[in-house]
Amino acid sequence: MAGTLALGRWQLSRAAQKVAMQAGMEAKSTMSILDGRVLAARADPALELHRRVALRGQWIPERTVFLDNRPMNGRTGLYVVTPMRLEGSAAVVLVQRGWVARNFMDRSHLPTIESPAGVREIVGRIAPPPAKLYELSGSDTGLIRQNIDLAGLAVETGLALLPVSVQQTGAAGDGMLRDWPQPAVGVEKHYGYAFQWFALSSLIAILYVWFQIVRRFIYPRRA
């Protein structure tokens, strides 16, 4: 009983940590919009995760990659990821531009993505790199990939990539959906685990009372 109770309380403490983390993420999302130049000048851009940002820079369309098996609104397709060189800086930000449908009849076919030349302005949210999925050997190269590793991509392209990415927000006027899933920390999972441990502790207590106390009175041993 003591062990299961301790495990249940530990899960509750983990849930409390996740609640605090979620509150911090929501607080970051309500802060003033960060300028791209300020982001590039940060010693640790990862400290600005989940904050809104406005970028001015030029697309590097030849380095666009497509992440496969990415769902949005119940459909599976591709995430379009393009580096943007920030104006007035050598820094480059990897921008998750949106979601497009995939041609499942011809899986080698790539959708046409417009990346206008010149300085462009976008708004978005500072985010970690796209979540990694299970991949087969060799599926992290080419235009269509399963995952992206920022450090590896920086070496591959020679670009001065920042250690964070930006999820572009706004209307889907360029044909890409941007209904990004809201970041979640999984608080419900810990509450579920805590309930299981407390339920097991209660079951142990009930069985102990039944076999060690109640049953002895109902079925006393014969002399």
Protein backbone atom coordinates (compact mmCIF):
# COMPACT_ATOMS: atom_id res chain seq x y z
CA MET A 1 0.00 0.00 0.00
CA ALA A 2 2.77 2.41 0.92
CA GLY A 3 4.53 1.75 -2.38
CA THR A 4 1.44 2.28 -4.54
CA LEU A 5 0.46 5.40 -2.58
CA ALA A 6 3.96 6.81 -3.09
CA LEU A 7 3.78 6.13 -6.82
CA GLY A 8 0.38 7.83 -7.03
CA ARG A 9 1.67 10.91 -5.23
CA TRP A 10 4.71 10.97 -7.52
CA GLN A 11 2.42 11.00 -10.55
CA LEU A 12 0.47 13.90 -9.03
CA SER A 13 3.72 15.82 -8.51
CA ARG A 14 4.62 15.19 -12.16
CA ALA A 15 1.20 16.49 -13.15
CA ALA A 16 1.79 19.64 -11.09
CA GLN A 17 5.09 20.20 -12.89
CA LYS A 18 3.35 19.80 -16.26
CA VAL A 19 0.61 22.24 -15.22
CA ALA A 20 3.28 24.82 -14.35
CA MET A 21 4.97 24.14 -17.69
CA GLN A 22 1.68 24.62 -19.54
CA ALA A 23 1.10 27.90 -17.70
CA GLY A 24 4.55 29.09 -18.73
CA MET A 25 3.86 28.23 -22.37
CA GLU A 26 0.57 30.13 -22.28
CA ALA A 27 2.28 33.11 -20.66
CA LYS A 28 4.92 33.15 -23.40
CA SER A 29 2.22 33.09 -26.09
CA THR A 30 0.64 36.26 -24.66
CA MET A 31 3.87 38.27 -24.59
CA SER A 32 4.57 40.99 -27.13
CA ILE A 33 5.63 39.92 -30.62
CA LEU A 34 9.38 39.36 -30.88
CA ASP A 35 11.33 40.81 -33.79
CA GLY A 36 13.35 38.39 -35.91
CA ARG A 37 16.56 40.36 -35.42
CA VAL A 38 16.14 40.24 -31.66
CA LEU A 39 15.57 36.49 -31.87
CA ALA A 40 18.77 36.04 -33.89
CA ALA A 41 20.72 38.06 -31.31
CA ARG A 42 19.57 35.94 -28.37
CA ALA A 43 22.30 33.85 -26.79
CA ASP A 44 19.81 31.01 -26.35
CA PRO A 45 16.81 31.36 -28.70
CA ALA A 46 15.26 28.25 -27.15
CA LEU A 47 14.34 30.37 -24.12
CA GLU A 48 11.80 32.15 -26.35
CA LEU A 49 9.89 28.97 -27.26
CA HIS A 50 6.13 29.47 -27.81
CA ARG A 51 6.47 33.24 -28.14
CA ARG A 52 5.00 35.03 -31.14
CA VAL A 53 7.51 36.37 -33.64
CA ALA A 54 7.56 38.54 -36.75
CA LEU A 55 10.22 37.71 -39.34
CA ARG A 56 11.58 39.69 -42.28
CA GLY A 57 13.88 37.87 -44.62
CA GLN A 58 14.34 35.95 -47.84
CA TRP A 59 13.24 32.42 -48.55
CA ILE A 60 15.85 29.87 -49.54
CA PRO A 61 13.50 27.79 -51.74
CA GLU A 62 16.13 25.38 -53.03
CA ARG A 63 16.46 24.05 -49.46
CA THR A 64 12.75 23.36 -49.03
CA VAL A 65 12.00 19.89 -47.69
CA PHE A 66 8.73 18.03 -47.18
CA LEU A 67 8.06 16.03 -44.03
CA ASP A 68 6.01 12.93 -44.74
CA ASN A 69 3.17 11.34 -42.75
CA ARG A 70 2.11 14.53 -41.01
CA PRO A 71 -1.59 14.79 -40.08
CA MET A 72 -3.73 17.91 -40.03
CA ASN A 73 -7.52 18.11 -39.71
CA GLY A 74 -7.79 14.34 -39.91
CA ARG A 75 -5.81 14.00 -43.15
CA THR A 76 -2.26 12.80 -43.68
CA GLY A 77 0.04 14.82 -45.90
CA LEU A 78 3.26 16.81 -45.89
CA TYR A 79 4.68 19.61 -43.79
CA VAL A 80 6.42 22.22 -45.95
CA VAL A 81 9.64 23.43 -44.31
CA THR A 82 11.72 26.23 -45.86
CA PRO A 83 14.70 28.12 -44.41
CA MET A 84 14.47 31.91 -44.26
CA ARG A 85 17.58 34.10 -44.08
CA LEU A 86 16.78 36.95 -41.72
CA GLU A 87 17.17 40.49 -42.99
CA GLY A 88 20.31 42.18 -41.74
CA SER A 89 21.70 38.99 -40.27
CA ALA A 90 23.55 35.85 -41.29
CA ALA A 91 21.16 33.79 -39.19
CA VAL A 92 18.69 31.45 -40.86
CA VAL A 93 15.43 30.23 -39.34
CA LEU A 94 13.74 27.02 -40.38
CA VAL A 95 10.09 27.91 -41.03
CA GLN A 96 7.32 25.33 -40.84
CA ARG A 97 5.21 27.00 -43.52
CA GLY A 98 2.16 24.76 -43.48
CA TRP A 99 0.56 21.50 -44.52
CA VAL A 100 -0.23 20.28 -48.04
CA ALA A 101 -1.95 17.15 -49.30
CA ARG A 102 0.17 14.40 -50.80
CA ASN A 103 -0.42 12.68 -54.12
CA PHE A 104 -0.85 9.05 -53.01
CA MET A 105 -1.15 7.87 -56.61
CA ASP A 106 2.35 9.16 -57.36
CA ARG A 107 4.26 9.42 -54.10
CA SER A 108 7.28 10.97 -55.85
CA HIS A 109 5.19 13.93 -57.03
CA LEU A 110 5.88 17.15 -55.16
CA PRO A 111 3.32 19.94 -54.80
CA THR A 112 4.21 23.33 -56.25
CA ILE A 113 5.10 25.74 -53.46
CA GLU A 114 5.47 29.45 -54.17
CA SER A 115 8.47 31.07 -52.48
CA PRO A 116 8.51 34.66 -53.78
CA ALA A 117 11.91 36.31 -54.14
CA GLY A 118 12.88 39.40 -52.21
CA VAL A 119 12.28 40.32 -48.60
CA ARG A 120 9.13 38.78 -47.21
CA GLU A 121 7.33 39.29 -43.92
CA ILE A 122 5.70 36.48 -41.96
CA VAL A 123 4.35 36.00 -38.46
CA GLY A 124 4.45 32.83 -36.46
CA ARG A 125 5.24 31.09 -33.22
CA ILE A 126 8.68 30.03 -32.07
CA ALA A 127 8.56 26.25 -31.82
CA PRO A 128 10.83 23.26 -31.39
CA PRO A 129 11.80 21.40 -34.58
CA PRO A 130 9.00 19.19 -35.96
CA ALA A 131 8.34 16.13 -33.83
CA LYS A 132 10.28 13.06 -34.92
CA LEU A 133 8.51 9.97 -36.20
CA TYR A 134 9.79 6.43 -36.59
CA GLU A 135 11.94 6.28 -39.70
CA LEU A 136 13.67 3.70 -41.82
CA SER A 137 17.34 3.98 -42.64
CA GLY A 138 17.93 6.52 -45.40
CA SER A 139 14.55 8.24 -45.02
CA ASP A 140 16.11 11.44 -43.65
CA THR A 141 17.58 12.56 -46.98
CA GLY A 142 16.09 13.93 -50.17
CA LEU A 143 13.24 16.37 -50.65
CA ILE A 144 10.68 14.14 -48.94
CA ARG A 145 11.82 13.09 -45.49
CA GLN A 146 10.43 11.51 -42.39
CA ASN A 147 12.28 13.74 -39.93
CA ILE A 148 14.59 16.72 -39.74
CA ASP A 149 17.59 17.09 -37.46
CA LEU A 150 18.54 20.78 -37.23
CA ALA A 151 22.20 20.16 -36.50
CA GLY A 152 22.46 17.65 -39.33
CA LEU A 153 20.58 19.94 -41.71
CA ALA A 154 22.90 22.82 -40.86
CA VAL A 155 25.90 20.67 -41.76
CA GLU A 156 24.21 19.39 -44.92
CA THR A 157 23.21 22.84 -46.20
CA GLY A 158 25.98 24.98 -44.73
CA LEU A 159 23.36 27.37 -43.35
CA ALA A 160 23.68 29.11 -39.97
CA LEU A 161 20.44 27.64 -38.65
CA LEU A 162 19.09 28.80 -35.31
CA PRO A 163 18.37 25.96 -32.84
CA VAL A 164 14.63 26.64 -33.03
CA SER A 165 12.07 26.73 -35.81
CA VAL A 166 9.06 28.95 -36.45
CA GLN A 167 5.55 27.72 -37.19
CA GLN A 168 4.08 30.22 -39.62
CA THR A 169 0.57 31.34 -38.74
CA GLY A 170 -2.08 33.27 -40.59
CA ALA A 171 -4.50 32.59 -43.41
CA ALA A 172 -3.98 29.73 -45.85
CA GLY A 173 -3.95 32.01 -48.88
CA ASP A 174 -0.93 30.27 -50.42
CA GLY A 175 -2.63 26.87 -50.43
CA MET A 176 -1.09 25.58 -47.20
CA LEU A 177 -3.10 24.81 -44.08
CA ARG A 178 -1.80 26.16 -40.79
CA ASP A 179 -4.12 24.62 -38.21
CA TRP A 180 -1.16 23.61 -36.07
CA PRO A 181 -1.95 21.39 -33.08
CA GLN A 182 -1.71 23.22 -29.80
CA PRO A 183 1.33 22.25 -27.75
CA ALA A 184 0.36 19.85 -24.99
CA VAL A 185 2.39 18.55 -22.06
CA GLY A 186 0.30 15.46 -21.27
CA VAL A 187 -1.08 16.37 -17.85
CA GLU A 188 -4.04 13.99 -18.27
CA LYS A 189 -1.68 11.03 -18.63
CA HIS A 190 -0.22 11.61 -15.16
CA TYR A 191 -3.66 12.01 -13.60
CA GLY A 192 -4.65 8.71 -15.20
CA TYR A 193 -1.57 6.94 -13.85
CA ALA A 194 -2.17 8.43 -10.38
CA PHE A 195 -5.75 7.13 -10.41
CA GLN A 196 -4.51 3.65 -11.30
CA TRP A 197 -1.96 3.60 -8.47
CA PHE A 198 -4.49 4.89 -5.91
CA ALA A 199 -7.05 2.37 -7.14
CA LEU A 200 -4.50 -0.43 -6.72
CA SER A 201 -3.69 0.81 -3.22
CA SER A 202 -7.39 0.80 -2.35
CA LEU A 203 -7.76 -2.72 -3.72
CA ILE A 204 -4.85 -3.93 -1.57
CA ALA A 205 -6.47 -2.34 1.50
CA ILE A 206 -9.85 -3.95 0.76
CA LEU A 207 -8.32 -7.38 0.22
CA TYR A 208 -6.27 -7.08 3.40
CA VAL A 209 -9.32 -6.14 5.48
CA TRP A 210 -11.34 -8.96 3.92
CA PHE A 211 -8.82 -11.77 4.33
CA GLN A 212 -7.21 -10.68 7.59
CA ILE A 213 -10.21 -9.36 9.52
CA VAL A 214 -13.68 -9.87 8.05
CA ARG A 215 -13.18 -13.38 6.78
CA ARG A 216 -11.92 -14.54 10.16
CA PHE A 217 -15.14 -13.45 11.83
CA ILE A 218 -17.38 -14.89 9.13
CA TYR A 219 -15.48 -18.17 8.82
CA PRO A 220 -13.84 -18.76 12.20
CA ARG A 221 -11.42 -21.63 12.40
CA ARG A 222 -12.80 -24.83 13.89
CA ALA A 223 -11.15 -26.02 17.02
